[in-house]
C-alpha atoms as a PDB file:
ATOM      1  CA  UNK A   1    -172.166 246.624 -11.452  1.00  0.00           C
ATOM      2  CA  UNK A   2    -169.220 243.702 -10.880  1.00  0.00           C
ATOM      3  CA  UNK A   3    -165.893 244.327 -10.704  1.00  0.00           C
ATOM      4  CA  UNK A   4    -164.190 243.726 -14.199  1.00  0.00           C
ATOM      5  CA  UNK A   5    -162.225 240.638 -14.406  1.00  0.00           C
ATOM      6  CA  UNK A   6    -160.973 241.479 -17.973  1.00  0.00           C
ATOM      7  CA  UNK A   7    -160.279 243.620 -20.075  1.00  0.00           C
ATOM      8  CA  UNK A   8    -163.483 242.063 -22.302  1.00  0.00           C
ATOM      9  CA  UNK A   9    -166.373 242.992 -19.299  1.00  0.00           C
ATOM     10  CA  UNK A  10    -165.201 246.593 -20.704  1.00  0.00           C
ATOM     11  CA  UNK A  11    -166.665 249.462 -22.966  1.00  0.00           C
ATOM     12  CA  UNK A  12    -164.801 252.335 -23.767  1.00  0.00           C
ATOM     13  CA  UNK A  13    -165.633 255.166 -26.515  1.00  0.00           C
ATOM     14  CA  UNK A  14    -164.188 255.458 -29.620  1.00  0.00           C
ATOM     15  CA  UNK A  15    -162.211 258.325 -31.600  1.00  0.00           C
ATOM     16  CA  UNK A  16    -166.085 259.779 -32.150  1.00  0.00           C
ATOM     17  CA  UNK A  17    -167.358 259.021 -29.066  1.00  0.00           C
ATOM     18  CA  UNK A  18    -169.145 255.546 -29.851  1.00  0.00           C
ATOM     19  CA  UNK A  19    -168.814 252.745 -27.468  1.00  0.00           C
ATOM     20  CA  UNK A  20    -167.169 249.538 -27.832  1.00  0.00           C
ATOM     21  CA  UNK A  21    -167.180 246.289 -25.805  1.00  0.00           C
ATOM     22  CA  UNK A  22    -163.450 245.205 -25.854  1.00  0.00           C
ATOM     23  CA  UNK A  23    -165.811 241.490 -25.911  1.00  0.00           C
ATOM     24  CA  UNK A  24    -164.929 242.103 -29.350  1.00  0.00           C
ATOM     25  CA  UNK A  25    -161.640 241.872 -29.193  1.00  0.00           C
ATOM     26  CA  UNK A  26    -161.911 238.188 -27.044  1.00  0.00           C
ATOM     27  CA  UNK A  27    -160.192 235.569 -28.255  1.00  0.00           C
ATOM     28  CA  UNK A  28    -157.382 238.005 -30.153  1.00  0.00           C
ATOM     29  CA  UNK A  29    -153.540 239.050 -28.859  1.00  0.00           C
ATOM     30  CA  UNK A  30    -154.634 242.974 -27.984  1.00  0.00           C
ATOM     31  CA  UNK A  31    -151.643 245.779 -27.144  1.00  0.00           C
ATOM     32  CA  UNK A  32    -153.223 249.077 -25.772  1.00  0.00           C
ATOM     33  CA  UNK A  33    -150.882 251.671 -26.028  1.00  0.00           C
ATOM     34  CA  UNK A  34    -151.030 255.368 -25.275  1.00  0.00           C
ATOM     35  CA  UNK A  35    -149.425 257.569 -27.968  1.00  0.00           C
ATOM     36  CA  UNK A  36    -148.877 261.072 -28.578  1.00  0.00           C
ATOM     37  CA  UNK A  37    -148.502 263.462 -31.930  1.00  0.00           C
ATOM     38  CA  UNK A  38    -146.498 265.350 -30.247  1.00  0.00           C
ATOM     39  CA  UNK A  39    -143.616 263.499 -28.564  1.00  0.00           C
ATOM     40  CA  UNK A  40    -140.309 263.313 -29.455  1.00  0.00           C
ATOM     41  CA  UNK A  41    -141.025 259.679 -30.279  1.00  0.00           C
ATOM     42  CA  UNK A  42    -144.284 259.845 -32.355  1.00  0.00           C
ATOM     43  CA  UNK A  43    -143.010 259.765 -35.682  1.00  0.00           C
ATOM     44  CA  UNK A  44    -140.824 255.938 -34.535  1.00  0.00           C
ATOM     45  CA  UNK A  45    -143.814 255.290 -32.207  1.00  0.00           C
ATOM     46  CA  UNK A  46    -146.480 255.718 -34.628  1.00  0.00           C
ATOM     47  CA  UNK A  47    -144.003 253.978 -37.321  1.00  0.00           C
ATOM     48  CA  UNK A  48    -143.314 250.530 -35.416  1.00  0.00           C
ATOM     49  CA  UNK A  49    -147.184 250.664 -34.221  1.00  0.00           C
ATOM     50  CA  UNK A  50    -148.018 249.577 -37.653  1.00  0.00           C
ATOM     51  CA  UNK A  51    -145.642 247.565 -39.114  1.00  0.00           C
ATOM     52  CA  UNK A  52    -145.923 245.723 -35.571  1.00  0.00           C
ATOM     53  CA  UNK A  53    -150.280 245.828 -36.796  1.00  0.00           C
ATOM     54  CA  UNK A  54    -148.806 244.825 -40.899  1.00  0.00           C
ATOM     55  CA  UNK A  55    -146.731 241.865 -39.216  1.00  0.00           C
ATOM     56  CA  UNK A  56    -148.966 240.431 -36.981  1.00  0.00           C
ATOM     57  CA  UNK A  57    -152.877 241.393 -37.798  1.00  0.00           C
ATOM     58  CA  UNK A  58    -153.881 238.800 -39.702  1.00  0.00           C
ATOM     59  CA  UNK A  59    -152.286 236.547 -36.959  1.00  0.00           C
ATOM     60  CA  UNK A  60    -155.129 237.761 -34.263  1.00  0.00           C
ATOM     61  CA  UNK A  61    -153.241 241.056 -33.025  1.00  0.00           C
ATOM     62  CA  UNK A  62    -154.613 244.336 -32.123  1.00  0.00           C
ATOM     63  CA  UNK A  63    -153.424 247.251 -31.330  1.00  0.00           C
ATOM     64  CA  UNK A  64    -156.140 249.754 -29.149  1.00  0.00           C
ATOM     65  CA  UNK A  65    -154.410 253.067 -29.769  1.00  0.00           C
ATOM     66  CA  UNK A  66    -155.668 255.645 -26.756  1.00  0.00           C
ATOM     67  CA  UNK A  67    -154.137 259.703 -26.853  1.00  0.00           C
ATOM     68  CA  UNK A  68    -153.067 260.894 -24.045  1.00  0.00           C
ATOM     69  CA  UNK A  69    -152.414 264.646 -23.321  1.00  0.00           C
ATOM     70  CA  UNK A  70    -151.142 263.732 -19.665  1.00  0.00           C
ATOM     71  CA  UNK A  71    -147.619 263.343 -20.756  1.00  0.00           C
ATOM     72  CA  UNK A  72    -146.154 267.292 -20.371  1.00  0.00           C
ATOM     73  CA  UNK A  73    -149.568 267.956 -23.229  1.00  0.00           C
ATOM     74  CA  UNK A  74    -147.490 265.447 -25.766  1.00  0.00           C
ATOM     75  CA  UNK A  75    -151.478 265.102 -27.432  1.00  0.00           C
ATOM     76  CA  UNK A  76    -153.331 268.585 -27.056  1.00  0.00           C
ATOM     77  CA  UNK A  77    -155.894 267.887 -30.144  1.00  0.00           C
ATOM     78  CA  UNK A  78    -159.598 267.029 -30.126  1.00  0.00           C
ATOM     79  CA  UNK A  79    -160.331 263.232 -32.098  1.00  0.00           C
ATOM     80  CA  UNK A  80    -161.119 265.025 -34.888  1.00  0.00           C
ATOM     81  CA  UNK A  81    -157.814 265.714 -35.124  1.00  0.00           C
ATOM     82  CA  UNK A  82    -155.565 263.087 -33.826  1.00  0.00           C
ATOM     83  CA  UNK A  83    -157.475 259.992 -36.280  1.00  0.00           C
ATOM     84  CA  UNK A  84    -157.173 262.116 -38.943  1.00  0.00           C
ATOM     85  CA  UNK A  85    -153.285 262.836 -37.873  1.00  0.00           C
ATOM     86  CA  UNK A  86    -152.470 259.286 -37.060  1.00  0.00           C
ATOM     87  CA  UNK A  87    -154.449 258.079 -40.025  1.00  0.00           C
ATOM     88  CA  UNK A  88    -152.772 260.890 -43.406  1.00  0.00           C
ATOM     89  CA  UNK A  89    -149.933 260.982 -42.075  1.00  0.00           C
ATOM     90  CA  UNK A  90    -149.166 257.407 -40.533  1.00  0.00           C
ATOM     91  CA  UNK A  91    -152.061 255.681 -42.474  1.00  0.00           C
ATOM     92  CA  UNK A  92    -153.151 253.508 -39.264  1.00  0.00           C
ATOM     93  CA  UNK A  93    -155.215 251.019 -39.813  1.00  0.00           C
ATOM     94  CA  UNK A  94    -155.309 249.905 -35.833  1.00  0.00           C
ATOM     95  CA  UNK A  95    -158.500 251.797 -34.049  1.00  0.00           C
ATOM     96  CA  UNK A  96    -158.171 254.748 -31.977  1.00  0.00           C
ATOM     97  CA  UNK A  97    -160.168 255.257 -29.011  1.00  0.00           C
ATOM     98  CA  UNK A  98    -161.042 258.506 -26.647  1.00  0.00           C
ATOM     99  CA  UNK A  99    -158.468 260.063 -25.373  1.00  0.00           C
ATOM    100  CA  UNK A 100    -158.158 259.380 -21.874  1.00  0.00           C
ATOM    101  CA  UNK A 101    -156.481 260.015 -18.769  1.00  0.00           C
ATOM    102  CA  UNK A 102    -154.029 257.056 -18.852  1.00  0.00           C
ATOM    103  CA  UNK A 103    -152.514 257.682 -14.251  1.00  0.00           C
ATOM    104  CA  UNK A 104    -154.531 259.453 -11.752  1.00  0.00           C
ATOM    105  CA  UNK A 105    -157.306 260.220 -10.046  1.00  0.00           C
ATOM    106  CA  UNK A 106    -159.555 260.794 -13.635  1.00  0.00           C
ATOM    107  CA  UNK A 107    -157.973 257.248 -15.913  1.00  0.00           C
ATOM    108  CA  UNK A 108    -159.809 255.780 -17.271  1.00  0.00           C
ATOM    109  CA  UNK A 109    -161.151 252.287 -16.025  1.00  0.00           C
ATOM    110  CA  UNK A 110    -159.054 251.079 -18.589  1.00  0.00           C
ATOM    111  CA  UNK A 111    -156.045 252.166 -17.506  1.00  0.00           C
ATOM    112  CA  UNK A 112    -157.072 251.479 -13.719  1.00  0.00           C
ATOM    113  CA  UNK A 113    -158.281 248.103 -14.957  1.00  0.00           C
ATOM    114  CA  UNK A 114    -154.749 247.591 -15.945  1.00  0.00           C
ATOM    115  CA  UNK A 115    -152.670 249.164 -13.201  1.00  0.00           C
ATOM    116  CA  UNK A 116    -154.658 247.095 -10.706  1.00  0.00           C
ATOM    117  CA  UNK A 117    -154.152 244.216 -12.434  1.00  0.00           C
ATOM    118  CA  UNK A 118    -149.961 244.336 -12.301  1.00  0.00           C
ATOM    119  CA  UNK A 119    -150.727 244.240  -8.610  1.00  0.00           C
ATOM    120  CA  UNK A 120    -152.311 241.144  -8.295  1.00  0.00           C
END
């Protein structure tokens, strides 16, 4: 497989395990963010992400939220529990993806690409 030259060349899993081709978001402004439900900033982060999304969603803006448990075990839940929490408590309307690592050898390919991209 050829190396990705854009995030749009990538496929990721959503929280239900389905493949999502990031080419779906081509032409949009995309914020890729790792999130956690037991972080000290959870309330403000999810609230502000929701506000940001509502402000700009009609202007081609998307938030792609990737739960991560690498930072102090602050996202211990299953994908189902995470989606339930975020969509019920914070009424998130942006997509929640599969829980991933964002750093190190086991980082998700999209995060490896983002890390590499900032070096070039």
